């Protein structure tokens, strides 16, 4: 099963129940080479689910000394699709290696290239 790393609202029980239909069990870990900024959410369904107008969003720095703490969860492929529908277009899902050495999917800032 794949791993999903969250540093934001996917850690909230109400968001997990709404998005995955279950409460996820996870362990602490960190995203390496990123910092947190804030994103104003305008999507009504996401606002209703999270209860928060501003969500954290990870921005790549490429500097290994930058860390974003969070939680890594084991999820199914189908649950990854559910999380894709929850996240707004400002996020993109990438696969990365966490501080623990575990390979996981994470939503980070989607930047134009």
C-alpha atoms as a PDB file:
ATOM      1  CA  UNK A   1       0.000   0.000   0.000  1.00  0.00           C
ATOM      2  CA  UNK A   2       1.190   3.540  -0.702  1.00  0.00           C
ATOM      3  CA  UNK A   3       2.075   6.102   1.940  1.00  0.00           C
ATOM      4  CA  UNK A   4       0.596   9.594   2.093  1.00  0.00           C
ATOM      5  CA  UNK A   5       2.343  12.364   4.043  1.00  0.00           C
ATOM      6  CA  UNK A   6       0.260  15.206   5.455  1.00  0.00           C
ATOM      7  CA  UNK A   7       1.377  18.426   7.117  1.00  0.00           C
ATOM      8  CA  UNK A   8      -2.079  20.030   6.996  1.00  0.00           C
ATOM      9  CA  UNK A   9      -5.790  19.373   7.017  1.00  0.00           C
ATOM     10  CA  UNK A  10      -5.582  15.700   5.974  1.00  0.00           C
ATOM     11  CA  UNK A  11      -4.393  15.139   9.555  1.00  0.00           C
ATOM     12  CA  UNK A  12      -7.801  16.324  10.871  1.00  0.00           C
ATOM     13  CA  UNK A  13     -10.200  13.536  11.837  1.00  0.00           C
ATOM     14  CA  UNK A  14     -13.230  15.244  10.239  1.00  0.00           C
ATOM     15  CA  UNK A  15     -11.338  15.688   6.946  1.00  0.00           C
ATOM     16  CA  UNK A  16     -10.244  12.034   6.997  1.00  0.00           C
ATOM     17  CA  UNK A  17     -13.790  10.809   7.652  1.00  0.00           C
ATOM     18  CA  UNK A  18     -15.168  13.004   4.858  1.00  0.00           C
ATOM     19  CA  UNK A  19     -12.393  12.195   2.377  1.00  0.00           C
ATOM     20  CA  UNK A  20     -11.619   8.534   3.125  1.00  0.00           C
ATOM     21  CA  UNK A  21     -14.633   7.338   5.098  1.00  0.00           C
ATOM     22  CA  UNK A  22     -12.365   6.283   7.961  1.00  0.00           C
ATOM     23  CA  UNK A  23      -9.902   7.629  10.479  1.00  0.00           C
ATOM     24  CA  UNK A  24      -6.297   7.094   9.374  1.00  0.00           C
ATOM     25  CA  UNK A  25      -3.524   5.874  11.666  1.00  0.00           C
ATOM     26  CA  UNK A  26      -0.182   7.521  11.121  1.00  0.00           C
ATOM     27  CA  UNK A  27       3.254   8.185  12.528  1.00  0.00           C
ATOM     28  CA  UNK A  28       5.227  11.428  12.763  1.00  0.00           C
ATOM     29  CA  UNK A  29       7.711  12.166   9.980  1.00  0.00           C
ATOM     30  CA  UNK A  30       9.073  15.198   8.114  1.00  0.00           C
ATOM     31  CA  UNK A  31       9.191  16.475   4.551  1.00  0.00           C
ATOM     32  CA  UNK A  32      12.755  17.472   3.623  1.00  0.00           C
ATOM     33  CA  UNK A  33      13.652  20.486   1.445  1.00  0.00           C
ATOM     34  CA  UNK A  34      10.377  22.392   1.890  1.00  0.00           C
ATOM     35  CA  UNK A  35       8.940  25.242   3.984  1.00  0.00           C
ATOM     36  CA  UNK A  36       5.316  26.073   4.781  1.00  0.00           C
ATOM     37  CA  UNK A  37       3.405  29.054   3.423  1.00  0.00           C
ATOM     38  CA  UNK A  38      -0.334  29.735   3.603  1.00  0.00           C
ATOM     39  CA  UNK A  39      -2.962  29.354   0.883  1.00  0.00           C
ATOM     40  CA  UNK A  40      -6.377  31.044   1.006  1.00  0.00           C
ATOM     41  CA  UNK A  41      -9.047  28.453   0.187  1.00  0.00           C
ATOM     42  CA  UNK A  42     -12.108  29.569  -1.794  1.00  0.00           C
ATOM     43  CA  UNK A  43     -13.549  26.176  -2.808  1.00  0.00           C
ATOM     44  CA  UNK A  44     -16.822  25.892  -0.807  1.00  0.00           C
ATOM     45  CA  UNK A  45     -16.670  22.111  -0.276  1.00  0.00           C
ATOM     46  CA  UNK A  46     -13.073  22.194   0.960  1.00  0.00           C
ATOM     47  CA  UNK A  47     -13.912  25.123   3.256  1.00  0.00           C
ATOM     48  CA  UNK A  48     -16.883  23.216   4.680  1.00  0.00           C
ATOM     49  CA  UNK A  49     -14.870  20.023   5.172  1.00  0.00           C
ATOM     50  CA  UNK A  50     -11.801  21.564   6.824  1.00  0.00           C
ATOM     51  CA  UNK A  51     -13.458  24.499   8.565  1.00  0.00           C
ATOM     52  CA  UNK A  52     -10.395  26.585   7.711  1.00  0.00           C
ATOM     53  CA  UNK A  53     -10.045  29.493   5.274  1.00  0.00           C
ATOM     54  CA  UNK A  54      -6.244  29.207   5.133  1.00  0.00           C
ATOM     55  CA  UNK A  55      -4.432  25.923   4.541  1.00  0.00           C
ATOM     56  CA  UNK A  56      -0.699  25.292   4.790  1.00  0.00           C
ATOM     57  CA  UNK A  57       1.078  24.588   1.513  1.00  0.00           C
ATOM     58  CA  UNK A  58       4.627  23.237   1.165  1.00  0.00           C
ATOM     59  CA  UNK A  59       6.972  25.214  -1.076  1.00  0.00           C
ATOM     60  CA  UNK A  60      10.171  23.575  -2.320  1.00  0.00           C
ATOM     61  CA  UNK A  61      13.442  25.202  -1.277  1.00  0.00           C
ATOM     62  CA  UNK A  62      15.855  22.456  -2.312  1.00  0.00           C
ATOM     63  CA  UNK A  63      17.672  22.997   0.988  1.00  0.00           C
ATOM     64  CA  UNK A  64      17.991  19.774   2.990  1.00  0.00           C
ATOM     65  CA  UNK A  65      18.060  21.717   6.273  1.00  0.00           C
ATOM     66  CA  UNK A  66      14.427  22.837   5.693  1.00  0.00           C
ATOM     67  CA  UNK A  67      11.876  20.477   7.275  1.00  0.00           C
ATOM     68  CA  UNK A  68       8.083  20.350   7.412  1.00  0.00           C
ATOM     69  CA  UNK A  69       6.762  18.176  10.259  1.00  0.00           C
ATOM     70  CA  UNK A  70       3.644  16.087   9.747  1.00  0.00           C
ATOM     71  CA  UNK A  71       2.226  12.577   9.694  1.00  0.00           C
ATOM     72  CA  UNK A  72       2.657   9.701   7.266  1.00  0.00           C
ATOM     73  CA  UNK A  73      -0.341   7.417   6.670  1.00  0.00           C
ATOM     74  CA  UNK A  74      -0.715   4.090   4.891  1.00  0.00           C
ATOM     75  CA  UNK A  75      -3.565   4.405   2.376  1.00  0.00           C
ATOM     76  CA  UNK A  76      -4.977   2.500  -0.577  1.00  0.00           C
ATOM     77  CA  UNK A  77      -4.679   3.506  -4.240  1.00  0.00           C
ATOM     78  CA  UNK A  78      -8.414   4.323  -4.173  1.00  0.00           C
ATOM     79  CA  UNK A  79      -7.916   6.575  -1.136  1.00  0.00           C
ATOM     80  CA  UNK A  80      -5.195   8.471  -3.020  1.00  0.00           C
ATOM     81  CA  UNK A  81      -7.797   9.231  -5.689  1.00  0.00           C
ATOM     82  CA  UNK A  82     -10.128  10.550  -2.969  1.00  0.00           C
ATOM     83  CA  UNK A  83      -7.388  12.823  -1.628  1.00  0.00           C
ATOM     84  CA  UNK A  84      -6.743  14.092  -5.189  1.00  0.00           C
ATOM     85  CA  UNK A  85     -10.382  15.207  -5.341  1.00  0.00           C
ATOM     86  CA  UNK A  86     -10.120  16.929  -1.942  1.00  0.00           C
ATOM     87  CA  UNK A  87      -7.017  19.014  -2.759  1.00  0.00           C
ATOM     88  CA  UNK A  88      -7.491  22.218  -4.780  1.00  0.00           C
ATOM     89  CA  UNK A  89      -5.579  23.015  -7.997  1.00  0.00           C
ATOM     90  CA  UNK A  90      -2.912  25.002  -6.141  1.00  0.00           C
ATOM     91  CA  UNK A  91      -1.540  21.646  -4.910  1.00  0.00           C
ATOM     92  CA  UNK A  92       0.104  18.867  -6.899  1.00  0.00           C
ATOM     93  CA  UNK A  93       0.855  15.361  -5.645  1.00  0.00           C
ATOM     94  CA  UNK A  94       4.481  14.255  -5.851  1.00  0.00           C
ATOM     95  CA  UNK A  95       6.350  11.218  -4.610  1.00  0.00           C
ATOM     96  CA  UNK A  96       9.299  11.972  -2.346  1.00  0.00           C
ATOM     97  CA  UNK A  97      11.513  10.452   0.314  1.00  0.00           C
ATOM     98  CA  UNK A  98      10.695  11.584   3.834  1.00  0.00           C
ATOM     99  CA  UNK A  99      13.214  12.195   6.622  1.00  0.00           C
ATOM    100  CA  UNK A 100      12.626   8.610   7.839  1.00  0.00           C
ATOM    101  CA  UNK A 101      13.673   7.257   4.432  1.00  0.00           C
ATOM    102  CA  UNK A 102      10.109   6.182   3.632  1.00  0.00           C
ATOM    103  CA  UNK A 103       8.829   6.907   0.108  1.00  0.00           C
ATOM    104  CA  UNK A 104       5.485   8.728   0.250  1.00  0.00           C
ATOM    105  CA  UNK A 105       3.080  10.855  -1.764  1.00  0.00           C
ATOM    106  CA  UNK A 106       2.657  14.453  -0.600  1.00  0.00           C
ATOM    107  CA  UNK A 107       0.731  17.491  -1.845  1.00  0.00           C
ATOM    108  CA  UNK A 108       2.972  20.500  -2.450  1.00  0.00           C
ATOM    109  CA  UNK A 109       2.678  23.850  -4.172  1.00  0.00           C
ATOM    110  CA  UNK A 110       1.936  23.463  -7.882  1.00  0.00           C
ATOM    111  CA  UNK A 111       4.200  25.871  -9.729  1.00  0.00           C
ATOM    112  CA  UNK A 112       4.176  26.818 -13.390  1.00  0.00           C
ATOM    113  CA  UNK A 113       7.304  25.816 -15.291  1.00  0.00           C
END
